[in-house]
Protein backbone atom coordinates (compact mmCIF):
# COMPACT_ATOMS: atom_id res chain seq x y z
CA UNK A 1 0.00 0.00 0.00
CA UNK A 2 2.82 2.39 0.81
CA UNK A 3 4.43 1.74 -2.59
CA UNK A 4 1.14 2.56 -4.31
CA UNK A 5 0.90 5.86 -2.39
CA UNK A 6 4.50 6.79 -3.29
CA UNK A 7 3.88 5.97 -6.95
CA UNK A 8 0.75 8.14 -7.06
CA UNK A 9 2.59 11.00 -5.30
CA UNK A 10 5.50 10.77 -7.75
CA UNK A 11 3.20 10.83 -10.78
CA UNK A 12 1.27 13.82 -9.37
CA UNK A 13 4.48 15.74 -8.65
CA UNK A 14 5.75 15.08 -12.18
CA UNK A 15 2.45 16.03 -13.88
CA UNK A 16 1.92 19.35 -12.05
CA UNK A 17 4.86 21.25 -13.61
CA UNK A 18 3.93 20.03 -17.09
CA UNK A 19 0.36 21.34 -16.78
CA UNK A 20 1.50 24.71 -15.46
CA UNK A 21 4.08 25.25 -18.21
CA UNK A 22 1.56 24.45 -20.96
CA UNK A 23 -0.54 27.41 -19.85
CA UNK A 24 2.31 29.93 -20.08
CA UNK A 25 3.13 29.21 -23.73
CA UNK A 26 1.84 31.25 -26.65
CA UNK A 27 -1.65 30.39 -27.85
CA UNK A 28 -2.14 30.44 -31.60
CA UNK A 29 -5.54 30.08 -33.29
CA UNK A 30 -7.76 31.35 -36.08
CA UNK A 31 -11.01 33.27 -35.64
CA UNK A 32 -13.70 32.62 -38.23
CA UNK A 33 -16.36 35.34 -38.28
CA UNK A 34 -19.64 33.54 -38.97
CA UNK A 35 -21.78 36.44 -37.78
CA UNK A 36 -23.37 39.25 -39.77
CA UNK A 37 -21.21 41.93 -38.06
CA UNK A 38 -17.73 43.25 -38.79
CA UNK A 39 -15.41 42.70 -35.81
CA UNK A 40 -13.17 45.76 -35.37
CA UNK A 41 -11.34 44.74 -32.18
CA UNK A 42 -10.96 41.86 -29.76
CA UNK A 43 -9.64 42.29 -26.23
CA UNK A 44 -9.13 39.44 -23.77
CA UNK A 45 -8.81 39.15 -20.01
CA UNK A 46 -8.85 36.52 -17.34
CA UNK A 47 -12.41 35.62 -16.47
CA UNK A 48 -11.64 36.42 -12.84
CA UNK A 49 -10.34 39.93 -13.63
CA UNK A 50 -11.71 43.29 -14.75
CA UNK A 51 -8.56 44.07 -16.79
CA UNK A 52 -8.46 43.81 -20.61
CA UNK A 53 -5.55 43.35 -23.01
CA UNK A 54 -4.73 45.55 -25.97
CA UNK A 55 -6.49 44.75 -29.25
CA UNK A 56 -5.26 41.39 -30.58
CA UNK A 57 -6.42 42.04 -34.16
CA UNK A 58 -4.29 43.60 -36.87
CA UNK A 59 -7.23 45.07 -38.76
CA UNK A 60 -10.84 43.90 -38.89
CA UNK A 61 -12.70 40.65 -39.55
CA UNK A 62 -15.53 40.99 -42.06
CA UNK A 63 -18.40 38.47 -41.99
CA UNK A 64 -17.16 35.25 -43.61
CA UNK A 65 -13.46 36.05 -43.09
CA UNK A 66 -10.94 34.11 -41.00
CA UNK A 67 -7.82 35.63 -39.42
CA UNK A 68 -4.92 34.09 -37.52
CA UNK A 69 -4.20 35.34 -33.98
CA UNK A 70 -1.37 34.62 -31.52
CA UNK A 71 -1.46 35.52 -27.84
CA UNK A 72 1.88 35.37 -26.01
CA UNK A 73 1.33 36.94 -22.60
CA UNK A 74 2.28 34.16 -20.15
CA UNK A 75 -1.35 33.13 -19.75
CA UNK A 76 -2.01 32.16 -16.15
CA UNK A 77 -4.93 29.79 -16.70
CA UNK A 78 -7.25 28.58 -19.45
CA UNK A 79 -10.46 30.55 -18.99
CA UNK A 80 -10.50 34.02 -20.55
CA UNK A 81 -13.19 36.42 -21.69
CA UNK A 82 -13.07 37.89 -25.21
CA UNK A 83 -14.49 41.40 -25.59
CA UNK A 84 -15.58 41.95 -29.20
CA UNK A 85 -16.27 45.42 -30.64
CA UNK A 86 -18.18 45.81 -33.90
CA UNK A 87 -18.35 48.51 -36.56
CA UNK A 88 -21.86 49.48 -35.41
CA UNK A 89 -20.48 50.43 -31.94
CA UNK A 90 -21.97 47.36 -30.22
CA UNK A 91 -20.02 44.94 -28.01
CA UNK A 92 -20.18 41.31 -27.00
CA UNK A 93 -18.36 39.32 -24.29
CA UNK A 94 -17.75 35.58 -24.57
CA UNK A 95 -15.94 33.12 -22.26
CA UNK A 96 -13.26 31.13 -24.10
CA UNK A 97 -11.08 28.21 -23.01
CA UNK A 98 -7.70 29.28 -24.42
CA UNK A 99 -6.20 25.84 -23.76
CA UNK A 100 -8.82 24.19 -25.99
CA UNK A 101 -8.60 26.61 -28.94
CA UNK A 102 -4.80 26.51 -29.24
CA UNK A 103 -4.02 25.44 -32.81
CA UNK A 104 -7.72 25.36 -33.75
CA UNK A 105 -10.17 27.57 -35.62
CA UNK A 106 -12.52 29.37 -33.25
CA UNK A 107 -15.91 30.03 -34.85
CA UNK A 108 -17.48 33.33 -33.80
CA UNK A 109 -21.26 33.30 -34.25
CA UNK A 110 -22.46 35.59 -31.45
CA UNK A 111 -22.94 39.27 -31.10
C-alpha atoms as a PDB file:
ATOM      1  CA  UNK A   1       0.000   0.000   0.000  1.00  0.00           C
ATOM      2  CA  UNK A   2       2.819   2.387   0.815  1.00  0.00           C
ATOM      3  CA  UNK A   3       4.431   1.744  -2.593  1.00  0.00           C
ATOM      4  CA  UNK A   4       1.139   2.556  -4.305  1.00  0.00           C
ATOM      5  CA  UNK A   5       0.904   5.863  -2.394  1.00  0.00           C
ATOM      6  CA  UNK A   6       4.498   6.788  -3.290  1.00  0.00           C
ATOM      7  CA  UNK A   7       3.883   5.973  -6.949  1.00  0.00           C
ATOM      8  CA  UNK A   8       0.755   8.145  -7.059  1.00  0.00           C
ATOM      9  CA  UNK A   9       2.592  11.002  -5.302  1.00  0.00           C
ATOM     10  CA  UNK A  10       5.504  10.773  -7.748  1.00  0.00           C
ATOM     11  CA  UNK A  11       3.199  10.832 -10.776  1.00  0.00           C
ATOM     12  CA  UNK A  12       1.273  13.815  -9.374  1.00  0.00           C
ATOM     13  CA  UNK A  13       4.483  15.740  -8.653  1.00  0.00           C
ATOM     14  CA  UNK A  14       5.746  15.085 -12.185  1.00  0.00           C
ATOM     15  CA  UNK A  15       2.451  16.035 -13.877  1.00  0.00           C
ATOM     16  CA  UNK A  16       1.922  19.348 -12.046  1.00  0.00           C
ATOM     17  CA  UNK A  17       4.860  21.253 -13.609  1.00  0.00           C
ATOM     18  CA  UNK A  18       3.932  20.029 -17.085  1.00  0.00           C
ATOM     19  CA  UNK A  19       0.360  21.336 -16.783  1.00  0.00           C
ATOM     20  CA  UNK A  20       1.503  24.714 -15.455  1.00  0.00           C
ATOM     21  CA  UNK A  21       4.080  25.249 -18.206  1.00  0.00           C
ATOM     22  CA  UNK A  22       1.562  24.455 -20.955  1.00  0.00           C
ATOM     23  CA  UNK A  23      -0.541  27.409 -19.852  1.00  0.00           C
ATOM     24  CA  UNK A  24       2.308  29.929 -20.083  1.00  0.00           C
ATOM     25  CA  UNK A  25       3.134  29.206 -23.729  1.00  0.00           C
ATOM     26  CA  UNK A  26       1.842  31.245 -26.655  1.00  0.00           C
ATOM     27  CA  UNK A  27      -1.650  30.386 -27.847  1.00  0.00           C
ATOM     28  CA  UNK A  28      -2.144  30.441 -31.604  1.00  0.00           C
ATOM     29  CA  UNK A  29      -5.536  30.077 -33.287  1.00  0.00           C
ATOM     30  CA  UNK A  30      -7.759  31.353 -36.076  1.00  0.00           C
ATOM     31  CA  UNK A  31     -11.010  33.268 -35.638  1.00  0.00           C
ATOM     32  CA  UNK A  32     -13.701  32.622 -38.230  1.00  0.00           C
ATOM     33  CA  UNK A  33     -16.364  35.341 -38.279  1.00  0.00           C
ATOM     34  CA  UNK A  34     -19.642  33.536 -38.973  1.00  0.00           C
ATOM     35  CA  UNK A  35     -21.777  36.440 -37.778  1.00  0.00           C
ATOM     36  CA  UNK A  36     -23.367  39.250 -39.772  1.00  0.00           C
ATOM     37  CA  UNK A  37     -21.212  41.925 -38.061  1.00  0.00           C
ATOM     38  CA  UNK A  38     -17.730  43.249 -38.785  1.00  0.00           C
ATOM     39  CA  UNK A  39     -15.405  42.702 -35.809  1.00  0.00           C
ATOM     40  CA  UNK A  40     -13.172  45.762 -35.367  1.00  0.00           C
ATOM     41  CA  UNK A  41     -11.339  44.740 -32.180  1.00  0.00           C
ATOM     42  CA  UNK A  42     -10.961  41.858 -29.755  1.00  0.00           C
ATOM     43  CA  UNK A  43      -9.637  42.288 -26.226  1.00  0.00           C
ATOM     44  CA  UNK A  44      -9.135  39.444 -23.768  1.00  0.00           C
ATOM     45  CA  UNK A  45      -8.814  39.154 -20.011  1.00  0.00           C
ATOM     46  CA  UNK A  46      -8.850  36.519 -17.336  1.00  0.00           C
ATOM     47  CA  UNK A  47     -12.414  35.621 -16.468  1.00  0.00           C
ATOM     48  CA  UNK A  48     -11.641  36.418 -12.836  1.00  0.00           C
ATOM     49  CA  UNK A  49     -10.336  39.925 -13.634  1.00  0.00           C
ATOM     50  CA  UNK A  50     -11.710  43.295 -14.746  1.00  0.00           C
ATOM     51  CA  UNK A  51      -8.559  44.067 -16.794  1.00  0.00           C
ATOM     52  CA  UNK A  52      -8.457  43.807 -20.609  1.00  0.00           C
ATOM     53  CA  UNK A  53      -5.550  43.351 -23.011  1.00  0.00           C
ATOM     54  CA  UNK A  54      -4.731  45.553 -25.966  1.00  0.00           C
ATOM     55  CA  UNK A  55      -6.489  44.749 -29.248  1.00  0.00           C
ATOM     56  CA  UNK A  56      -5.259  41.388 -30.583  1.00  0.00           C
ATOM     57  CA  UNK A  57      -6.422  42.037 -34.163  1.00  0.00           C
ATOM     58  CA  UNK A  58      -4.294  43.600 -36.867  1.00  0.00           C
ATOM     59  CA  UNK A  59      -7.229  45.067 -38.763  1.00  0.00           C
ATOM     60  CA  UNK A  60     -10.840  43.896 -38.891  1.00  0.00           C
ATOM     61  CA  UNK A  61     -12.703  40.647 -39.548  1.00  0.00           C
ATOM     62  CA  UNK A  62     -15.526  40.991 -42.058  1.00  0.00           C
ATOM     63  CA  UNK A  63     -18.397  38.465 -41.995  1.00  0.00           C
ATOM     64  CA  UNK A  64     -17.156  35.248 -43.609  1.00  0.00           C
ATOM     65  CA  UNK A  65     -13.456  36.052 -43.091  1.00  0.00           C
ATOM     66  CA  UNK A  66     -10.936  34.106 -41.003  1.00  0.00           C
ATOM     67  CA  UNK A  67      -7.824  35.632 -39.416  1.00  0.00           C
ATOM     68  CA  UNK A  68      -4.925  34.090 -37.517  1.00  0.00           C
ATOM     69  CA  UNK A  69      -4.196  35.340 -33.983  1.00  0.00           C
ATOM     70  CA  UNK A  70      -1.374  34.624 -31.523  1.00  0.00           C
ATOM     71  CA  UNK A  71      -1.461  35.521 -27.835  1.00  0.00           C
ATOM     72  CA  UNK A  72       1.885  35.370 -26.012  1.00  0.00           C
ATOM     73  CA  UNK A  73       1.325  36.936 -22.599  1.00  0.00           C
ATOM     74  CA  UNK A  74       2.283  34.157 -20.153  1.00  0.00           C
ATOM     75  CA  UNK A  75      -1.355  33.135 -19.747  1.00  0.00           C
ATOM     76  CA  UNK A  76      -2.005  32.158 -16.150  1.00  0.00           C
ATOM     77  CA  UNK A  77      -4.929  29.791 -16.699  1.00  0.00           C
ATOM     78  CA  UNK A  78      -7.247  28.576 -19.455  1.00  0.00           C
ATOM     79  CA  UNK A  79     -10.465  30.555 -18.990  1.00  0.00           C
ATOM     80  CA  UNK A  80     -10.496  34.021 -20.554  1.00  0.00           C
ATOM     81  CA  UNK A  81     -13.189  36.419 -21.694  1.00  0.00           C
ATOM     82  CA  UNK A  82     -13.072  37.887 -25.206  1.00  0.00           C
ATOM     83  CA  UNK A  83     -14.489  41.399 -25.594  1.00  0.00           C
ATOM     84  CA  UNK A  84     -15.584  41.953 -29.195  1.00  0.00           C
ATOM     85  CA  UNK A  85     -16.274  45.422 -30.641  1.00  0.00           C
ATOM     86  CA  UNK A  86     -18.176  45.806 -33.896  1.00  0.00           C
ATOM     87  CA  UNK A  87     -18.349  48.507 -36.561  1.00  0.00           C
ATOM     88  CA  UNK A  88     -21.858  49.480 -35.411  1.00  0.00           C
ATOM     89  CA  UNK A  89     -20.484  50.433 -31.938  1.00  0.00           C
ATOM     90  CA  UNK A  90     -21.970  47.364 -30.216  1.00  0.00           C
ATOM     91  CA  UNK A  91     -20.020  44.943 -28.008  1.00  0.00           C
ATOM     92  CA  UNK A  92     -20.180  41.306 -27.004  1.00  0.00           C
ATOM     93  CA  UNK A  93     -18.359  39.319 -24.292  1.00  0.00           C
ATOM     94  CA  UNK A  94     -17.750  35.578 -24.568  1.00  0.00           C
ATOM     95  CA  UNK A  95     -15.943  33.121 -22.261  1.00  0.00           C
ATOM     96  CA  UNK A  96     -13.258  31.127 -24.104  1.00  0.00           C
ATOM     97  CA  UNK A  97     -11.077  28.209 -23.012  1.00  0.00           C
ATOM     98  CA  UNK A  98      -7.695  29.281 -24.422  1.00  0.00           C
ATOM     99  CA  UNK A  99      -6.202  25.836 -23.763  1.00  0.00           C
ATOM    100  CA  UNK A 100      -8.820  24.187 -25.994  1.00  0.00           C
ATOM    101  CA  UNK A 101      -8.603  26.608 -28.938  1.00  0.00           C
ATOM    102  CA  UNK A 102      -4.800  26.506 -29.236  1.00  0.00           C
ATOM    103  CA  UNK A 103      -4.021  25.436 -32.807  1.00  0.00           C
ATOM    104  CA  UNK A 104      -7.722  25.364 -33.750  1.00  0.00           C
ATOM    105  CA  UNK A 105     -10.173  27.572 -35.624  1.00  0.00           C
ATOM    106  CA  UNK A 106     -12.522  29.374 -33.254  1.00  0.00           C
ATOM    107  CA  UNK A 107     -15.905  30.032 -34.853  1.00  0.00           C
ATOM    108  CA  UNK A 108     -17.482  33.329 -33.795  1.00  0.00           C
ATOM    109  CA  UNK A 109     -21.262  33.300 -34.252  1.00  0.00           C
ATOM    110  CA  UNK A 110     -22.459  35.592 -31.453  1.00  0.00           C
ATOM    111  CA  UNK A 111     -22.937  39.268 -31.100  1.00  0.00           C
END
